[in-house]
Amino acid sequence: MVLRQKNIGTRIKSPIELMAGMMRALPMNIRNPENLIVYQKLLGQMLLYPPNVAGWPNGKSWIDSSTLMLRLQIPQIWSGLRPWITIRKKMMTWIWD
């Protein structure tokens, strides 16, 4: 997907840019705002906690097999089409390891 000819030169949004853009574009109420921190951790970018003094990586480094699936599921979770509880149970062990 990322390496297709039509995608060359496109910009991959960081997790924070992705979530902020979705929140601006889609009329959704986040029932539990604390879940946003969990999404940040799962996607690899904790706001105000860069990994080093250089900041966060960019480009393709934001996309791997697990983050791509979560990026696709976030709009469904936020809109209520997919239950957050089932995803949260699956990922909680990974988050806190």
N, C-alpha and C. Protein backbone atom coordinates (compact mmCIF):
# COMPACT_ATOMS: atom_id res chain seq x y z
N MET A 1 0.82 -1.18 0.00
CA MET A 1 0.00 0.00 0.00
C MET A 1 0.87 1.25 0.00
N VAL A 2 1.79 1.32 0.92
CA VAL A 2 2.63 2.51 1.05
C VAL A 2 3.58 2.64 -0.13
N LEU A 3 4.01 1.53 -0.69
CA LEU A 3 5.03 1.57 -1.74
C LEU A 3 4.47 1.65 -3.16
N ARG A 4 3.18 1.78 -3.32
CA ARG A 4 2.61 1.89 -4.66
C ARG A 4 3.06 3.18 -5.33
N GLN A 5 3.12 3.15 -6.65
CA GLN A 5 3.57 4.30 -7.43
C GLN A 5 2.77 5.56 -7.13
N LYS A 6 1.45 5.43 -6.99
CA LYS A 6 0.61 6.61 -6.75
C LYS A 6 0.84 7.22 -5.37
N ASN A 7 1.45 6.47 -4.46
CA ASN A 7 1.68 6.97 -3.11
C ASN A 7 3.06 7.60 -2.93
N ILE A 8 3.89 7.55 -3.93
CA ILE A 8 5.23 8.13 -3.82
C ILE A 8 5.10 9.64 -3.68
N GLY A 9 5.77 10.18 -2.69
CA GLY A 9 5.74 11.61 -2.45
C GLY A 9 4.63 12.07 -1.52
N THR A 10 3.75 11.16 -1.12
CA THR A 10 2.70 11.54 -0.18
C THR A 10 3.26 11.59 1.23
N ARG A 11 2.61 12.33 2.08
CA ARG A 11 3.07 12.51 3.45
C ARG A 11 2.24 11.62 4.38
N ILE A 12 2.91 10.83 5.21
CA ILE A 12 2.23 10.01 6.20
C ILE A 12 2.11 10.82 7.47
N LYS A 13 0.90 10.99 7.96
CA LYS A 13 0.67 11.79 9.15
C LYS A 13 1.17 11.07 10.40
N SER A 14 1.68 11.85 11.33
CA SER A 14 2.05 11.28 12.62
C SER A 14 0.77 10.89 13.34
N PRO A 15 0.85 10.03 14.37
CA PRO A 15 -0.35 9.65 15.10
C PRO A 15 -1.13 10.84 15.66
N ILE A 16 -0.44 11.84 16.19
CA ILE A 16 -1.13 13.00 16.75
C ILE A 16 -1.83 13.78 15.65
N GLU A 17 -1.16 13.96 14.51
CA GLU A 17 -1.79 14.65 13.38
C GLU A 17 -3.01 13.87 12.88
N LEU A 18 -2.89 12.56 12.85
CA LEU A 18 -3.99 11.71 12.40
C LEU A 18 -5.20 11.86 13.32
N MET A 19 -4.98 11.74 14.63
CA MET A 19 -6.09 11.83 15.58
C MET A 19 -6.70 13.23 15.61
N ALA A 20 -5.86 14.26 15.57
CA ALA A 20 -6.38 15.63 15.57
C ALA A 20 -7.19 15.90 14.31
N GLY A 21 -6.71 15.42 13.18
CA GLY A 21 -7.42 15.59 11.92
C GLY A 21 -8.77 14.89 11.92
N MET A 22 -8.81 13.67 12.48
CA MET A 22 -10.08 12.96 12.56
C MET A 22 -11.05 13.66 13.48
N MET A 23 -10.54 14.18 14.59
CA MET A 23 -11.42 14.87 15.54
C MET A 23 -11.99 16.15 14.94
N ARG A 24 -11.20 16.83 14.10
CA ARG A 24 -11.69 18.05 13.44
C ARG A 24 -12.68 17.72 12.33
N ALA A 25 -12.41 16.66 11.59
CA ALA A 25 -13.21 16.36 10.40
C ALA A 25 -14.52 15.63 10.71
N LEU A 26 -14.50 14.79 11.73
CA LEU A 26 -15.66 13.96 12.01
C LEU A 26 -16.35 14.41 13.29
N PRO A 27 -17.66 14.56 13.26
CA PRO A 27 -18.38 14.98 14.46
C PRO A 27 -18.55 13.82 15.44
N MET A 28 -17.54 13.60 16.27
CA MET A 28 -17.58 12.48 17.21
C MET A 28 -17.34 12.97 18.63
N ASN A 29 -18.02 12.34 19.55
CA ASN A 29 -17.76 12.58 20.96
C ASN A 29 -16.94 11.42 21.49
N ILE A 30 -15.81 11.73 22.08
CA ILE A 30 -14.98 10.70 22.70
C ILE A 30 -15.54 10.49 24.10
N ARG A 31 -16.09 9.31 24.34
CA ARG A 31 -16.74 9.05 25.63
C ARG A 31 -15.75 9.11 26.79
N ASN A 32 -14.57 8.57 26.57
CA ASN A 32 -13.57 8.55 27.63
C ASN A 32 -12.28 9.16 27.06
N PRO A 33 -12.02 10.43 27.31
CA PRO A 33 -10.84 11.08 26.75
C PRO A 33 -9.52 10.43 27.17
N GLU A 34 -9.52 9.69 28.27
CA GLU A 34 -8.29 9.01 28.69
C GLU A 34 -7.86 7.96 27.66
N ASN A 35 -8.82 7.47 26.87
CA ASN A 35 -8.47 6.50 25.83
C ASN A 35 -7.55 7.11 24.78
N LEU A 36 -7.58 8.43 24.62
CA LEU A 36 -6.69 9.08 23.65
C LEU A 36 -5.23 8.81 24.01
N ILE A 37 -4.93 8.73 25.29
CA ILE A 37 -3.56 8.43 25.72
C ILE A 37 -3.20 7.00 25.32
N VAL A 38 -4.15 6.09 25.44
CA VAL A 38 -3.90 4.70 25.04
C VAL A 38 -3.64 4.64 23.54
N TYR A 39 -4.43 5.36 22.75
CA TYR A 39 -4.20 5.39 21.30
C TYR A 39 -2.81 5.94 20.99
N GLN A 40 -2.42 6.99 21.68
CA GLN A 40 -1.10 7.58 21.45
C GLN A 40 -0.01 6.55 21.72
N LYS A 41 -0.13 5.83 22.82
CA LYS A 41 0.87 4.82 23.18
C LYS A 41 0.90 3.71 22.13
N LEU A 42 -0.28 3.24 21.73
CA LEU A 42 -0.34 2.17 20.73
C LEU A 42 0.23 2.58 19.39
N LEU A 43 0.02 3.83 19.01
CA LEU A 43 0.52 4.32 17.72
C LEU A 43 1.95 4.81 17.78
N GLY A 44 2.51 4.94 18.98
CA GLY A 44 3.93 5.25 19.11
C GLY A 44 4.30 6.71 19.26
N GLN A 45 3.33 7.57 19.58
CA GLN A 45 3.66 8.99 19.76
C GLN A 45 2.88 9.54 20.95
N MET A 46 3.56 9.64 22.07
CA MET A 46 2.95 10.23 23.27
C MET A 46 3.20 11.73 23.22
N LEU A 47 2.13 12.51 23.14
CA LEU A 47 2.24 13.95 23.05
C LEU A 47 3.04 14.49 24.24
N LEU A 48 3.98 15.37 23.95
CA LEU A 48 4.87 16.01 24.93
C LEU A 48 5.91 15.07 25.53
N TYR A 49 6.04 13.85 25.01
CA TYR A 49 7.06 12.91 25.49
C TYR A 49 7.84 12.35 24.30
N PRO A 50 8.66 13.17 23.65
CA PRO A 50 9.43 12.66 22.51
C PRO A 50 10.44 11.62 22.97
N PRO A 51 10.83 10.71 22.09
CA PRO A 51 11.77 9.66 22.47
C PRO A 51 13.18 10.16 22.75
N ASN A 52 13.54 11.30 22.17
CA ASN A 52 14.87 11.88 22.40
C ASN A 52 14.83 13.36 22.03
N VAL A 53 15.96 14.02 22.13
CA VAL A 53 15.99 15.46 21.88
C VAL A 53 15.71 15.82 20.41
N ALA A 54 15.89 14.88 19.52
CA ALA A 54 15.61 15.13 18.10
C ALA A 54 14.12 15.10 17.79
N GLY A 55 13.33 14.60 18.72
CA GLY A 55 11.89 14.53 18.50
C GLY A 55 11.47 13.17 17.96
N TRP A 56 10.34 13.16 17.30
CA TRP A 56 9.79 11.91 16.79
C TRP A 56 10.26 11.65 15.36
N PRO A 57 10.28 10.38 14.96
CA PRO A 57 10.60 10.07 13.57
C PRO A 57 9.47 10.55 12.67
N ASN A 58 9.66 10.44 11.36
CA ASN A 58 8.60 10.83 10.45
C ASN A 58 8.51 9.86 9.30
N GLY A 59 7.56 10.09 8.44
CA GLY A 59 7.41 9.28 7.24
C GLY A 59 6.95 7.86 7.52
N LYS A 60 7.56 6.92 6.82
CA LYS A 60 7.14 5.52 6.89
C LYS A 60 7.35 4.89 8.26
N SER A 61 8.13 5.52 9.10
CA SER A 61 8.38 4.93 10.43
C SER A 61 7.12 4.86 11.27
N TRP A 62 6.06 5.59 10.90
CA TRP A 62 4.81 5.53 11.65
C TRP A 62 3.95 4.34 11.25
N ILE A 63 4.29 3.67 10.18
CA ILE A 63 3.45 2.60 9.66
C ILE A 63 4.16 1.26 9.81
N ASP A 64 3.50 0.34 10.51
CA ASP A 64 3.90 -1.06 10.52
C ASP A 64 2.61 -1.88 10.57
N SER A 65 2.71 -3.19 10.68
CA SER A 65 1.50 -4.01 10.58
C SER A 65 0.50 -3.73 11.70
N SER A 66 0.96 -3.47 12.90
CA SER A 66 0.01 -3.23 13.99
C SER A 66 -0.56 -1.81 13.96
N THR A 67 0.28 -0.81 13.69
CA THR A 67 -0.24 0.56 13.70
C THR A 67 -1.15 0.82 12.50
N LEU A 68 -0.88 0.18 11.38
CA LEU A 68 -1.75 0.36 10.22
C LEU A 68 -3.16 -0.15 10.52
N MET A 69 -3.25 -1.32 11.15
CA MET A 69 -4.57 -1.86 11.49
C MET A 69 -5.30 -0.96 12.48
N LEU A 70 -4.58 -0.45 13.47
CA LEU A 70 -5.22 0.44 14.45
C LEU A 70 -5.65 1.75 13.79
N ARG A 71 -4.84 2.29 12.89
CA ARG A 71 -5.21 3.51 12.18
C ARG A 71 -6.52 3.31 11.41
N LEU A 72 -6.71 2.13 10.86
CA LEU A 72 -7.93 1.83 10.11
C LEU A 72 -9.13 1.63 11.04
N GLN A 73 -8.88 1.17 12.27
CA GLN A 73 -9.97 0.87 13.19
C GLN A 73 -10.41 2.07 14.03
N ILE A 74 -9.56 3.05 14.23
CA ILE A 74 -9.90 4.19 15.10
C ILE A 74 -11.20 4.88 14.69
N PRO A 75 -11.43 5.20 13.42
CA PRO A 75 -12.71 5.84 13.08
C PRO A 75 -13.92 4.97 13.42
N GLN A 76 -13.78 3.65 13.25
CA GLN A 76 -14.88 2.75 13.59
C GLN A 76 -15.12 2.73 15.09
N ILE A 77 -14.05 2.74 15.86
CA ILE A 77 -14.18 2.74 17.32
C ILE A 77 -14.82 4.04 17.78
N TRP A 78 -14.32 5.16 17.28
CA TRP A 78 -14.83 6.47 17.70
C TRP A 78 -16.28 6.67 17.30
N SER A 79 -16.70 6.07 16.19
CA SER A 79 -18.09 6.24 15.76
C SER A 79 -19.02 5.23 16.41
N GLY A 80 -18.46 4.29 17.16
CA GLY A 80 -19.28 3.30 17.85
C GLY A 80 -19.59 2.07 17.03
N LEU A 81 -19.02 1.96 15.83
CA LEU A 81 -19.27 0.79 14.98
C LEU A 81 -18.46 -0.42 15.42
N ARG A 82 -17.41 -0.20 16.16
CA ARG A 82 -16.56 -1.30 16.65
C ARG A 82 -16.35 -1.06 18.14
N PRO A 83 -16.61 -2.08 18.96
CA PRO A 83 -16.45 -1.87 20.41
C PRO A 83 -14.99 -1.72 20.81
N TRP A 84 -14.71 -0.70 21.61
CA TRP A 84 -13.36 -0.42 22.09
C TRP A 84 -12.91 -1.46 23.09
N ILE A 85 -13.83 -2.01 23.87
CA ILE A 85 -13.48 -2.95 24.93
C ILE A 85 -12.73 -4.15 24.37
N THR A 86 -13.20 -4.73 23.27
CA THR A 86 -12.54 -5.92 22.74
C THR A 86 -11.13 -5.60 22.27
N ILE A 87 -10.94 -4.47 21.66
CA ILE A 87 -9.61 -4.08 21.20
C ILE A 87 -8.73 -3.75 22.39
N ARG A 88 -9.30 -3.07 23.37
CA ARG A 88 -8.53 -2.67 24.55
C ARG A 88 -8.02 -3.89 25.30
N LYS A 89 -8.85 -4.92 25.46
CA LYS A 89 -8.43 -6.13 26.16
C LYS A 89 -7.27 -6.80 25.44
N LYS A 90 -7.33 -6.84 24.12
CA LYS A 90 -6.28 -7.48 23.34
C LYS A 90 -4.96 -6.74 23.46
N MET A 91 -5.01 -5.42 23.59
CA MET A 91 -3.79 -4.62 23.53
C MET A 91 -3.25 -4.19 24.89
N MET A 92 -4.01 -4.35 25.96
CA MET A 92 -3.56 -3.85 27.25
C MET A 92 -2.27 -4.53 27.71
N THR A 93 -2.13 -5.82 27.44
CA THR A 93 -0.90 -6.49 27.84
C THR A 93 0.30 -5.91 27.10
N TRP A 94 0.12 -5.55 25.83
CA TRP A 94 1.21 -4.98 25.05
C TRP A 94 1.56 -3.58 25.52
N ILE A 95 0.55 -2.80 25.88
CA ILE A 95 0.78 -1.40 26.26
C ILE A 95 1.68 -1.29 27.47
N TRP A 96 1.41 -2.08 28.47
CA TRP A 96 2.09 -1.90 29.75
C TRP A 96 3.34 -2.76 29.87
N ASP A 97 3.72 -3.48 28.83
CA ASP A 97 4.97 -4.27 28.86
C ASP A 97 6.17 -3.39 28.62
